[in-house]
N, C-alpha and C. Protein backbone atom coordinates (compact mmCIF):
# COMPACT_ATOMS: atom_id res chain seq x y z
N UNK A 1 0.89 -1.29 0.29
CA UNK A 1 -0.09 0.11 0.25
C UNK A 1 0.67 1.08 0.53
N UNK A 2 0.94 2.37 -1.18
CA UNK A 2 1.46 3.69 -0.84
C UNK A 2 1.14 4.24 0.37
N UNK A 3 1.72 5.30 0.89
CA UNK A 3 1.28 6.41 0.93
C UNK A 3 1.24 7.95 0.03
N UNK A 4 0.17 8.31 -0.24
CA UNK A 4 0.37 9.24 -0.79
C UNK A 4 0.73 10.39 -0.65
N UNK A 5 1.12 10.11 1.03
CA UNK A 5 2.01 12.20 1.95
C UNK A 5 3.55 12.07 1.31
N UNK A 6 4.08 10.59 1.22
CA UNK A 6 4.99 10.75 0.61
C UNK A 6 5.48 11.63 -0.55
N UNK A 7 6.23 12.22 -1.34
CA UNK A 7 6.67 12.70 -2.75
C UNK A 7 8.01 12.00 -2.67
N UNK A 8 8.64 11.78 -3.42
CA UNK A 8 9.51 11.46 -3.28
C UNK A 8 9.76 11.18 -5.81
N UNK A 9 10.92 11.39 -5.64
CA UNK A 9 11.15 10.90 -7.09
C UNK A 9 10.90 9.02 -7.02
N UNK A 10 11.13 9.29 -8.78
CA UNK A 10 11.43 8.12 -9.30
C UNK A 10 11.93 7.08 -9.30
N UNK A 11 13.12 7.66 -8.87
CA UNK A 11 15.05 7.30 -8.26
C UNK A 11 14.94 6.93 -6.90
N UNK A 12 14.10 7.88 -5.48
CA UNK A 12 13.33 7.60 -4.56
C UNK A 12 12.53 6.97 -4.14
N UNK A 13 11.26 6.17 -5.18
CA UNK A 13 11.38 5.38 -4.79
C UNK A 13 11.43 3.63 -5.51
N UNK A 14 12.25 4.14 -6.38
CA UNK A 14 13.68 2.94 -6.86
C UNK A 14 14.21 2.42 -5.94
N UNK A 15 14.52 3.28 -4.58
CA UNK A 15 15.67 3.05 -3.96
C UNK A 15 15.43 2.33 -2.27
N UNK A 16 13.29 3.40 -2.44
CA UNK A 16 12.55 2.65 -1.06
C UNK A 16 12.31 0.97 -1.56
N UNK A 17 11.90 0.92 -2.68
CA UNK A 17 11.41 -0.39 -2.60
C UNK A 17 12.08 -1.21 -2.38
N UNK A 18 13.81 -1.18 -2.93
CA UNK A 18 14.84 -1.96 -2.86
C UNK A 18 15.43 -2.43 -0.95
N UNK A 19 14.58 -1.23 -0.60
CA UNK A 19 14.89 -0.86 1.49
C UNK A 19 13.50 -1.80 1.52
N UNK A 20 12.81 -1.92 0.79
CA UNK A 20 11.13 -2.00 1.73
C UNK A 20 12.17 -4.16 1.18
N UNK A 21 12.34 -4.47 0.29
CA UNK A 21 12.88 -5.80 -0.47
C UNK A 21 13.51 -6.58 0.54
N UNK A 22 14.82 -5.28 0.63
CA UNK A 22 15.57 -6.27 2.17
C UNK A 22 15.34 -6.62 2.98
N UNK A 23 14.21 -5.69 3.71
CA UNK A 23 13.95 -5.88 4.95
C UNK A 23 12.49 -6.96 4.95
N UNK A 24 11.79 -7.08 3.83
CA UNK A 24 11.00 -8.44 4.13
C UNK A 24 11.78 -9.73 3.59
N UNK A 25 12.93 -9.23 2.97
CA UNK A 25 13.46 -11.27 2.59
C UNK A 25 14.66 -11.19 3.92
N UNK A 26 14.62 -10.33 4.88
CA UNK A 26 14.97 -10.79 6.28
C UNK A 26 13.98 -10.82 7.58
N UNK A 27 12.40 -10.43 6.96
CA UNK A 27 12.11 -10.68 8.07
C UNK A 27 11.41 -11.97 7.58
N UNK A 28 11.79 -12.47 6.47
CA UNK A 28 11.41 -14.08 5.68
C UNK A 28 12.66 -14.78 6.08
N UNK A 29 13.64 -14.24 6.25
CA UNK A 29 14.62 -15.10 6.33
C UNK A 29 15.41 -15.58 7.63
N UNK A 30 14.70 -14.48 8.50
CA UNK A 30 14.89 -14.50 10.36
C UNK A 30 13.83 -14.38 11.60
N UNK A 31 13.10 -14.97 10.90
CA UNK A 31 11.96 -15.29 11.79
C UNK A 31 11.35 -16.35 11.69
N UNK A 32 11.30 -16.62 13.24
CA UNK A 32 10.33 -18.50 12.66
C UNK A 32 9.18 -18.08 13.00
N UNK A 33 8.26 -17.64 11.81
CA UNK A 33 6.72 -17.91 11.80
C UNK A 33 5.96 -19.19 11.89
N UNK A 34 4.98 -18.98 12.27
CA UNK A 34 3.88 -20.30 12.68
C UNK A 34 4.24 -20.96 11.56
N UNK A 35 3.68 -22.56 11.08
CA UNK A 35 3.57 -22.75 9.97
C UNK A 35 2.01 -22.48 9.26
N UNK A 36 1.30 -21.60 9.63
CA UNK A 36 0.11 -21.04 9.30
C UNK A 36 0.54 -19.40 8.39
N UNK A 37 1.01 -18.82 9.58
CA UNK A 37 1.51 -17.94 8.67
C UNK A 37 2.31 -18.25 7.42
N UNK A 38 3.33 -19.05 7.57
CA UNK A 38 4.21 -19.27 6.22
C UNK A 38 3.58 -20.13 5.01
N UNK A 39 2.88 -20.98 5.27
CA UNK A 39 1.23 -21.38 4.41
C UNK A 39 0.57 -20.54 3.80
N UNK A 40 0.48 -19.29 4.70
CA UNK A 40 -0.02 -18.27 4.37
C UNK A 40 0.09 -17.55 3.01
N UNK A 41 1.41 -17.14 3.82
CA UNK A 41 2.29 -16.53 2.65
C UNK A 41 2.12 -17.15 1.49
N UNK A 42 2.68 -18.37 1.66
CA UNK A 42 2.88 -18.95 -0.15
C UNK A 42 2.08 -18.39 -0.21
N UNK A 43 0.57 -18.73 0.25
CA UNK A 43 -0.11 -19.27 -0.79
C UNK A 43 -1.36 -17.80 -1.19
N UNK A 44 -0.82 -16.66 -0.71
CA UNK A 44 -1.06 -15.38 -0.81
C UNK A 44 0.18 -15.14 -2.39
N UNK A 45 1.35 -15.94 -2.60
CA UNK A 45 2.31 -15.76 -3.48
C UNK A 45 1.79 -16.05 -4.83
N UNK A 46 1.67 -17.48 -4.17
CA UNK A 46 0.90 -18.42 -5.24
C UNK A 46 -0.64 -17.94 -6.25
N UNK A 47 -1.30 -16.92 -5.58
CA UNK A 47 -2.68 -16.77 -5.80
C UNK A 47 -2.90 -15.20 -6.32
N UNK A 48 -2.30 -14.00 -5.84
CA UNK A 48 -1.62 -12.57 -6.10
C UNK A 48 -1.72 -12.79 -8.21
N UNK A 49 -2.37 -12.25 -8.79
CA UNK A 49 -2.20 -11.68 -10.01
C UNK A 49 -2.36 -13.12 -11.02
N UNK A 50 -3.76 -14.58 -10.00
CA UNK A 50 -3.97 -15.09 -11.08
C UNK A 50 -5.43 -15.39 -10.94
N UNK A 51 -5.98 -15.01 -12.46
CA UNK A 51 -7.36 -14.40 -12.17
C UNK A 51 -8.18 -16.28 -11.79
N UNK A 52 -7.45 -17.29 -11.84
CA UNK A 52 -7.86 -18.74 -11.78
C UNK A 52 -7.91 -18.24 -10.51
N UNK A 53 -7.60 -18.38 -9.70
CA UNK A 53 -7.18 -18.47 -8.29
C UNK A 53 -7.44 -17.11 -6.85
N UNK A 54 -8.60 -15.87 -7.26
CA UNK A 54 -8.46 -14.87 -7.40
C UNK A 54 -9.59 -15.16 -6.25
N UNK A 55 -10.70 -16.43 -5.66
CA UNK A 55 -11.45 -16.73 -4.99
C UNK A 55 -10.65 -17.35 -3.12
N UNK A 56 -9.60 -17.61 -3.78
CA UNK A 56 -8.68 -18.34 -2.71
C UNK A 56 -8.20 -17.14 -2.17
N UNK A 57 -7.36 -16.10 -3.04
CA UNK A 57 -6.91 -15.28 -2.46
C UNK A 57 -8.10 -14.08 -1.64
N UNK A 58 -9.13 -14.42 -1.56
CA UNK A 58 -9.71 -13.21 -1.35
C UNK A 58 -9.75 -13.80 0.08
N UNK A 59 -9.67 -15.56 -0.25
CA UNK A 59 -10.29 -15.67 1.09
C UNK A 59 -8.91 -15.56 2.37
N UNK A 60 -8.19 -14.48 1.93
CA UNK A 60 -6.73 -15.03 2.40
C UNK A 60 -6.54 -13.11 2.87
N UNK A 61 -7.23 -12.21 1.87
CA UNK A 61 -6.77 -10.76 1.94
C UNK A 61 -8.26 -9.98 1.97
N UNK A 62 -8.73 -9.39 3.18
CA UNK A 62 -10.46 -9.24 2.55
C UNK A 62 -9.64 -7.44 1.44
N UNK A 63 -10.82 -6.74 0.99
CA UNK A 63 -11.00 -5.87 1.41
C UNK A 63 -10.01 -4.96 1.59
N UNK A 64 -9.64 -4.64 2.37
CA UNK A 64 -8.89 -3.50 3.11
C UNK A 64 -8.58 -3.47 3.12
N UNK A 65 -7.17 -4.92 2.20
CA UNK A 65 -6.27 -5.29 2.44
C UNK A 65 -5.26 -5.63 3.52
N UNK A 66 -6.68 -5.98 4.73
CA UNK A 66 -6.37 -6.86 5.87
C UNK A 66 -6.40 -9.27 5.72
N UNK A 67 -5.10 -8.61 6.70
CA UNK A 67 -4.29 -10.90 6.31
C UNK A 67 -5.54 -11.46 7.12
N UNK A 68 -6.21 -11.92 6.27
CA UNK A 68 -6.79 -13.01 6.88
C UNK A 68 -6.39 -14.53 7.51
N UNK A 69 -5.83 -15.31 8.06
CA UNK A 69 -5.36 -16.13 8.23
C UNK A 69 -6.57 -17.03 9.25
N UNK A 70 -6.59 -18.29 7.76
CA UNK A 70 -7.80 -19.33 7.96
C UNK A 70 -7.77 -20.17 9.25
N UNK A 71 -8.33 -21.19 9.69
CA UNK A 71 -7.96 -21.79 10.99
C UNK A 71 -7.26 -23.49 9.86
N UNK A 72 -6.66 -24.22 10.62
CA UNK A 72 -5.59 -25.02 10.37
C UNK A 72 -5.96 -25.68 8.53
N UNK A 73 -7.31 -26.24 9.24
CA UNK A 73 -7.99 -27.03 8.11
C UNK A 73 -8.48 -26.92 6.99
N UNK A 74 -8.91 -25.74 7.26
CA UNK A 74 -9.62 -24.96 5.72
C UNK A 74 -8.10 -24.14 5.56
N UNK A 75 -6.65 -23.07 5.66
CA UNK A 75 -5.64 -23.48 5.21
C UNK A 75 -4.91 -24.18 4.47
N UNK A 76 -5.63 -25.54 5.00
CA UNK A 76 -4.74 -27.18 4.08
C UNK A 76 -5.52 -27.25 2.53
N UNK A 77 -7.28 -26.85 2.68
CA UNK A 77 -7.86 -26.96 1.68
C UNK A 77 -7.33 -26.04 1.02
N UNK A 78 -7.51 -24.72 0.84
CA UNK A 78 -6.68 -23.88 0.40
C UNK A 78 -6.05 -24.13 -0.57
N UNK A 79 -4.54 -24.58 0.43
CA UNK A 79 -3.25 -24.93 -0.22
C UNK A 79 -3.92 -26.02 -1.62
N UNK A 80 -4.20 -27.25 -1.17
CA UNK A 80 -4.26 -28.55 -1.49
C UNK A 80 -5.55 -27.78 -2.29
N UNK A 81 -6.54 -27.45 -2.91
CA UNK A 81 -7.31 -26.15 -4.43
C UNK A 81 -6.63 -25.86 -4.73
N UNK A 82 -4.99 -24.59 -4.23
CA UNK A 82 -4.24 -23.77 -5.41
C UNK A 82 -3.65 -24.64 -5.87
N UNK A 83 -3.22 -25.75 -5.42
CA UNK A 83 -2.24 -26.55 -6.03
C UNK A 83 -2.98 -27.38 -7.07
N UNK A 84 -3.95 -28.08 -6.51
CA UNK A 84 -4.82 -28.90 -8.23
C UNK A 84 -5.26 -28.14 -9.10
N UNK A 85 -5.48 -26.77 -8.96
CA UNK A 85 -5.62 -25.53 -10.36
C UNK A 85 -4.29 -25.63 -10.40
N UNK A 86 -3.20 -26.02 -10.37
CA UNK A 86 -1.75 -25.12 -10.26
C UNK A 86 -0.71 -25.98 -11.81
N UNK A 87 -1.04 -27.66 -10.67
CA UNK A 87 -0.32 -28.75 -10.97
C UNK A 87 -0.98 -30.07 -12.07
N UNK A 88 -0.64 -30.04 -12.72
CA UNK A 88 -0.52 -31.31 -14.13
C UNK A 88 0.40 -31.51 -14.70
N UNK A 89 0.43 -32.94 -15.37
CA UNK A 89 0.98 -34.06 -15.22
C UNK A 89 1.31 -34.22 -16.81
N UNK A 90 2.98 -33.76 -16.95
CA UNK A 90 2.39 -33.33 -18.82
C UNK A 90 3.59 -35.00 -19.12
N UNK A 91 3.15 -35.91 -20.42
CA UNK A 91 3.22 -36.93 -20.99
C UNK A 91 5.39 -36.09 -21.34
N UNK A 92 5.86 -37.52 -21.65
CA UNK A 92 7.03 -36.99 -21.49
C UNK A 92 7.40 -36.33 -22.95
N UNK A 93 6.57 -37.07 -23.93
CA UNK A 93 6.78 -36.68 -25.15
C UNK A 93 6.18 -35.54 -25.06
N UNK A 94 5.84 -34.31 -24.42
CA UNK A 94 5.29 -33.41 -24.57
C UNK A 94 5.93 -31.87 -23.36
N UNK A 95 6.67 -32.68 -23.51
CA UNK A 95 7.80 -31.58 -21.96
C UNK A 95 8.68 -30.91 -23.01
N UNK A 96 9.05 -29.70 -22.78
CA UNK A 96 9.99 -28.75 -23.32
C UNK A 96 11.06 -28.62 -22.22
N UNK A 97 12.32 -29.65 -21.92
CA UNK A 97 13.23 -28.71 -21.03
C UNK A 97 13.31 -27.76 -21.46
N UNK A 98 12.79 -26.97 -22.62
CA UNK A 98 14.05 -25.35 -23.02
C UNK A 98 12.90 -24.70 -22.18
N UNK A 99 12.42 -24.75 -22.16
CA UNK A 99 11.31 -23.72 -21.82
C UNK A 99 11.70 -23.82 -20.61
N UNK A 100 10.71 -25.02 -19.97
CA UNK A 100 10.61 -25.15 -18.61
C UNK A 100 11.97 -26.49 -18.35
N UNK A 101 12.45 -27.03 -16.60
CA UNK A 101 13.03 -27.33 -16.44
C UNK A 101 12.46 -28.97 -15.63
N UNK A 102 12.81 -29.55 -15.70
CA UNK A 102 13.26 -31.18 -15.85
C UNK A 102 12.05 -31.30 -14.22
N UNK A 103 12.46 -30.55 -13.28
CA UNK A 103 12.20 -30.19 -12.49
C UNK A 103 10.77 -29.37 -12.39
N UNK A 104 10.68 -28.62 -13.09
CA UNK A 104 9.02 -28.23 -13.84
C UNK A 104 7.88 -29.43 -13.37
N UNK A 105 8.19 -30.53 -14.38
CA UNK A 105 7.93 -31.42 -14.67
C UNK A 105 7.40 -32.34 -13.68
N UNK A 106 8.76 -32.52 -12.74
CA UNK A 106 8.34 -33.86 -11.76
C UNK A 106 7.82 -33.46 -10.57
N UNK A 107 7.01 -31.41 -10.59
CA UNK A 107 6.81 -31.01 -9.27
C UNK A 107 5.22 -32.22 -9.55
N UNK A 108 4.86 -32.56 -10.52
CA UNK A 108 3.20 -33.07 -9.86
C UNK A 108 3.36 -35.16 -9.51
N UNK A 109 4.72 -35.13 -10.44
CA UNK A 109 5.08 -36.63 -9.87
C UNK A 109 5.68 -36.42 -8.47
N UNK A 110 6.48 -35.44 -7.74
CA UNK A 110 6.80 -35.49 -6.18
C UNK A 110 5.22 -35.38 -5.09
N UNK A 111 4.42 -34.31 -6.09
CA UNK A 111 3.36 -33.62 -5.39
C UNK A 111 2.45 -35.31 -5.26
N UNK A 112 2.05 -35.95 -6.43
CA UNK A 112 1.37 -37.00 -6.15
C UNK A 112 2.15 -38.08 -5.78
N UNK A 113 3.27 -37.69 -5.70
CA UNK A 113 3.44 -39.06 -4.78
C UNK A 113 2.90 -38.74 -2.98
N UNK A 114 3.40 -37.31 -2.68
CA UNK A 114 3.27 -36.72 -1.47
C UNK A 114 2.21 -36.82 -0.92
N UNK A 115 1.03 -36.78 -1.64
CA UNK A 115 -0.37 -37.01 -1.77
C UNK A 115 -1.37 -38.33 -1.86
N UNK A 116 0.04 -39.20 -2.22
CA UNK A 116 -0.47 -40.51 -1.90
C UNK A 116 -1.56 -40.97 -3.46
N UNK A 117 -1.80 -40.14 -4.36
CA UNK A 117 -2.28 -39.85 -5.34
C UNK A 117 -2.66 -41.59 -6.11
N UNK A 118 -1.39 -42.57 -6.20
CA UNK A 118 -1.33 -43.45 -6.96
C UNK A 118 -3.25 -44.54 -6.37
N UNK A 119 -3.62 -44.08 -5.17
CA UNK A 119 -4.67 -44.84 -5.24
C UNK A 119 -5.88 -43.61 -5.06
N UNK A 120 -6.25 -42.72 -5.76
CA UNK A 120 -6.92 -41.86 -5.95
C UNK A 120 -7.03 -42.09 -8.26
N UNK A 121 -6.15 -43.28 -8.55
CA UNK A 121 -6.79 -43.20 -9.89
C UNK A 121 -7.76 -44.55 -9.84
N UNK A 122 -8.52 -44.70 -11.33
CA UNK A 122 -9.92 -45.20 -11.42
C UNK A 122 -8.26 -46.58 -12.14
N UNK A 123 -9.80 -47.37 -12.94
CA UNK A 123 -9.09 -48.96 -13.20
C UNK A 123 -8.35 -48.27 -14.37
N UNK A 124 -7.74 -49.10 -14.41
CA UNK A 124 -6.84 -48.85 -15.99
C UNK A 124 -6.78 -49.51 -16.73
N UNK A 125 -7.48 -50.89 -16.59
CA UNK A 125 -7.15 -51.97 -17.27
C UNK A 125 -9.01 -51.82 -18.52
N UNK A 126 -8.82 -50.62 -18.77
CA UNK A 126 -9.59 -49.78 -19.82
C UNK A 126 -9.59 -50.05 -21.23
N UNK A 127 -10.45 -49.49 -22.05
CA UNK A 127 -9.72 -49.57 -23.76
C UNK A 127 -8.83 -49.15 -24.11
N UNK A 128 -9.33 -47.11 -23.64
CA UNK A 128 -8.21 -45.77 -23.85
C UNK A 128 -7.16 -46.56 -22.73
N UNK A 129 -6.71 -47.15 -22.28
CA UNK A 129 -5.42 -47.40 -21.05
C UNK A 129 -4.67 -48.49 -22.86
N UNK A 130 -5.21 -49.19 -22.75
CA UNK A 130 -4.77 -50.64 -23.15
C UNK A 130 -4.69 -50.22 -25.32
N UNK A 131 -5.71 -49.49 -25.35
CA UNK A 131 -5.47 -49.11 -26.91
C UNK A 131 -3.69 -48.57 -27.22
N UNK A 132 -3.25 -48.28 -26.69
CA UNK A 132 -2.13 -47.63 -26.94
C UNK A 132 -1.06 -48.21 -25.86
N UNK A 133 -1.22 -49.40 -26.41
CA UNK A 133 -0.01 -50.42 -25.55
C UNK A 133 0.07 -51.81 -27.41
N UNK A 134 1.66 -52.22 -27.47
CA UNK A 134 1.76 -52.21 -28.06
C UNK A 134 1.91 -54.05 -28.11
N UNK A 135 1.71 -54.72 -28.78
CA UNK A 135 1.41 -56.09 -28.85
C UNK A 135 2.15 -56.77 -27.67
N UNK A 136 3.33 -56.76 -27.33
CA UNK A 136 4.50 -57.40 -26.95
C UNK A 136 4.10 -57.10 -25.18
N UNK A 137 3.80 -54.97 -25.23
CA UNK A 137 3.13 -55.10 -24.49
C UNK A 137 1.65 -55.85 -23.20
N UNK A 138 0.90 -55.75 -24.38
CA UNK A 138 -0.21 -56.82 -23.89
C UNK A 138 -0.20 -58.09 -23.33
N UNK A 139 0.42 -58.92 -24.66
CA UNK A 139 1.24 -60.06 -24.31
C UNK A 139 2.35 -59.74 -22.62
N UNK A 140 3.23 -59.34 -22.46
CA UNK A 140 3.46 -59.59 -21.17
C UNK A 140 2.51 -59.14 -20.13
N UNK A 141 1.58 -57.84 -19.91
CA UNK A 141 1.09 -58.21 -19.66
C UNK A 141 -0.92 -59.05 -18.99
N UNK A 142 -0.58 -60.15 -20.33
CA UNK A 142 -1.48 -60.67 -19.65
C UNK A 142 -1.44 -62.92 -18.76
N UNK A 143 -0.08 -61.43 -18.64
CA UNK A 143 1.06 -62.93 -17.65
C UNK A 143 0.21 -62.60 -16.65
N UNK A 144 0.47 -61.45 -16.13
CA UNK A 144 -0.22 -61.31 -15.19
C UNK A 144 -1.62 -62.23 -14.71
N UNK A 145 -2.76 -62.46 -15.85
CA UNK A 145 -3.86 -62.81 -15.16
C UNK A 145 -4.17 -63.79 -14.72
N UNK A 146 -4.92 -63.78 -13.88
CA UNK A 146 -5.25 -65.73 -13.26
C UNK A 146 -5.17 -66.73 -13.95
N UNK A 147 -5.15 -67.57 -14.10
CA UNK A 147 -5.39 -68.50 -14.81
C UNK A 147 -6.52 -68.84 -14.69
N UNK A 148 -8.01 -68.74 -14.22
CA UNK A 148 -8.62 -68.79 -14.07
C UNK A 148 -9.88 -68.52 -15.57
N UNK A 149 -9.18 -66.78 -16.13
CA UNK A 149 -9.59 -66.59 -17.50
C UNK A 149 -9.59 -67.31 -18.32
N UNK A 150 -9.23 -68.20 -18.51
CA UNK A 150 -8.48 -69.17 -20.06
C UNK A 150 -7.18 -68.59 -20.48
N UNK A 151 -7.08 -69.07 -21.92
CA UNK A 151 -5.40 -69.15 -22.38
C UNK A 151 -5.85 -67.90 -22.73
N UNK A 152 -4.64 -66.30 -23.33
CA UNK A 152 -5.31 -65.65 -23.49
C UNK A 152 -5.03 -65.78 -25.20
N UNK A 153 -5.65 -64.16 -26.14
CA UNK A 153 -5.97 -65.02 -27.49
C UNK A 153 -5.05 -64.10 -28.12
N UNK A 154 -4.26 -64.58 -29.71
CA UNK A 154 -3.11 -64.62 -30.10
C UNK A 154 -3.16 -63.29 -30.47
N UNK A 155 -4.18 -63.36 -31.11
CA UNK A 155 -3.91 -61.42 -31.99
C UNK A 155 -4.37 -60.25 -31.21
N UNK A 156 -3.33 -59.71 -31.95
CA UNK A 156 -3.97 -58.11 -30.59
C UNK A 156 -4.67 -57.33 -30.18
N UNK A 157 -5.49 -57.57 -31.37
CA UNK A 157 -6.97 -56.95 -30.41
C UNK A 157 -7.97 -57.47 -30.14
N UNK A 158 -7.69 -58.59 -30.38
CA UNK A 158 -8.52 -59.80 -29.62
C UNK A 158 -7.94 -59.43 -27.44
N UNK A 159 -6.57 -59.27 -28.02
CA UNK A 159 -6.17 -59.40 -26.19
C UNK A 159 -6.09 -58.63 -25.51
N UNK A 160 -5.74 -57.44 -26.86
CA UNK A 160 -7.02 -55.89 -26.04
C UNK A 160 -8.56 -56.00 -25.49
N UNK A 161 -9.16 -56.70 -26.12
CA UNK A 161 -10.51 -56.11 -25.34
C UNK A 161 -10.63 -57.99 -24.17
N UNK A 162 -9.32 -58.53 -24.41
CA UNK A 162 -10.22 -59.71 -23.98
C UNK A 162 -8.91 -59.51 -22.46
N UNK A 163 -8.34 -58.87 -22.50
CA UNK A 163 -7.85 -58.13 -20.88
C UNK A 163 -8.36 -56.83 -20.35
N UNK A 164 -10.01 -56.44 -21.33
CA UNK A 164 -10.26 -54.63 -20.55
C UNK A 164 -11.05 -55.81 -19.45
N UNK A 165 -10.93 -55.41 -18.06
CA UNK A 165 -11.35 -55.17 -16.60
C UNK A 165 -10.29 -56.48 -15.70
N UNK A 166 -10.06 -57.34 -16.30
CA UNK A 166 -9.41 -57.98 -15.96
C UNK A 166 -7.89 -58.02 -14.82
N UNK A 167 -7.62 -56.92 -15.30
CA UNK A 167 -6.32 -56.45 -14.30
C UNK A 167 -6.74 -55.62 -13.41
N UNK A 168 -7.64 -55.63 -12.19
CA UNK A 168 -8.14 -54.21 -11.03
C UNK A 168 -6.89 -52.99 -10.35
N UNK A 169 -6.02 -53.68 -9.82
CA UNK A 169 -5.12 -53.30 -9.81
C UNK A 169 -3.64 -53.23 -10.00
N UNK A 170 -3.49 -52.74 -11.41
CA UNK A 170 -2.50 -52.10 -12.73
C UNK A 170 -3.23 -51.45 -12.97
N UNK A 171 -1.80 -50.49 -12.51
CA UNK A 171 -1.29 -49.52 -12.62
C UNK A 171 0.22 -49.41 -13.10
N UNK A 172 0.36 -48.73 -14.27
CA UNK A 172 1.66 -49.12 -15.64
C UNK A 172 2.49 -48.35 -14.73
N UNK A 173 1.79 -47.04 -14.49
CA UNK A 173 3.40 -45.40 -14.03
C UNK A 173 3.14 -45.40 -12.29
N UNK A 174 3.87 -45.16 -11.42
CA UNK A 174 2.87 -45.18 -9.94
C UNK A 174 3.64 -43.16 -10.34
N UNK A 175 3.24 -42.35 -9.80
CA UNK A 175 3.88 -41.71 -8.74
C UNK A 175 4.93 -41.34 -8.72
N UNK A 176 5.89 -40.61 -9.51
CA UNK A 176 7.78 -40.87 -8.96
C UNK A 176 7.83 -40.31 -10.23
N UNK A 177 9.18 -39.92 -10.06
CA UNK A 177 10.47 -39.16 -10.61
C UNK A 177 11.38 -39.12 -9.46
N UNK A 178 12.98 -38.59 -10.50
CA UNK A 178 14.04 -38.48 -9.57
C UNK A 178 14.20 -37.17 -8.91
N UNK A 179 15.19 -37.27 -7.81
CA UNK A 179 15.42 -35.97 -7.30
C UNK A 179 16.11 -34.46 -7.90
N UNK A 180 15.75 -33.69 -7.65
CA UNK A 180 16.74 -32.59 -7.97
C UNK A 180 17.77 -32.35 -7.95
N UNK A 181 18.88 -32.62 -8.89
CA UNK A 181 20.25 -31.90 -8.62
C UNK A 181 20.93 -31.75 -7.85
N UNK A 182 20.50 -30.32 -7.44
CA UNK A 182 21.06 -29.56 -6.45
C UNK A 182 21.33 -30.26 -5.19
N UNK A 183 21.90 -29.84 -4.06
CA UNK A 183 21.93 -29.87 -2.79
C UNK A 183 20.95 -29.08 -2.30
N UNK A 184 20.38 -30.49 -1.30
CA UNK A 184 19.10 -29.25 -0.83
C UNK A 184 19.55 -28.56 0.30
N UNK A 185 18.19 -27.56 0.63
CA UNK A 185 18.56 -26.43 1.13
C UNK A 185 18.89 -26.40 2.91
N UNK A 186 20.02 -25.49 3.77
CA UNK A 186 19.93 -26.22 4.77
C UNK A 186 20.00 -24.70 5.77
N UNK A 187 19.11 -25.48 6.44
CA UNK A 187 18.90 -23.90 7.92
C UNK A 187 20.32 -23.40 8.23
N UNK A 188 20.57 -22.17 8.19
CA UNK A 188 21.78 -22.48 8.98
C UNK A 188 21.11 -22.39 11.25
N UNK A 189 22.23 -22.69 12.03
CA UNK A 189 21.83 -22.85 12.93
C UNK A 189 22.45 -21.91 13.43
N UNK A 190 21.82 -21.10 14.29
CA UNK A 190 22.29 -20.00 15.46
C UNK A 190 23.40 -20.59 16.52
N UNK A 191 25.01 -19.62 16.78
CA UNK A 191 25.76 -20.49 16.82
C UNK A 191 25.86 -20.17 18.84
């Protein structure tokens, strides 16, 4: 919020912005806020300026500009909703590592692993998924089917149809990705 009583040149505003930024960074790095304050700050960061998340931001900052820290359960729901609107799984053939880093694409995998999203997956032994597999993959998959279903058909098209509905727990790819190449952040301990 800008105080209109202060009259500064553009250069003065630039200097003041640097000083205020330094104070903000110092406050973020040198204080130990509660998890609710830190999560509220992160949510303000990821929702402000995003037209698809203005309703989430409005739960955190009222019309007068006052900060509202919701109860922990609501704060967690808001964080999960912001993530759900922002994080998407991108197939490997559509990943462009010139525009985004590999970590950008891996974030959905890491968050999916953290949230146990594998357990939210629907059945995958459906025509849409099996239709995207080669004959060799389908034959290997048919080895997982219990003997009670008889001998699998030899023709690939018939094998696809035969496998539909026979692999209730099959999941070809779990949520997972290699970790980042950088060394982990370490909190500086006080001496």
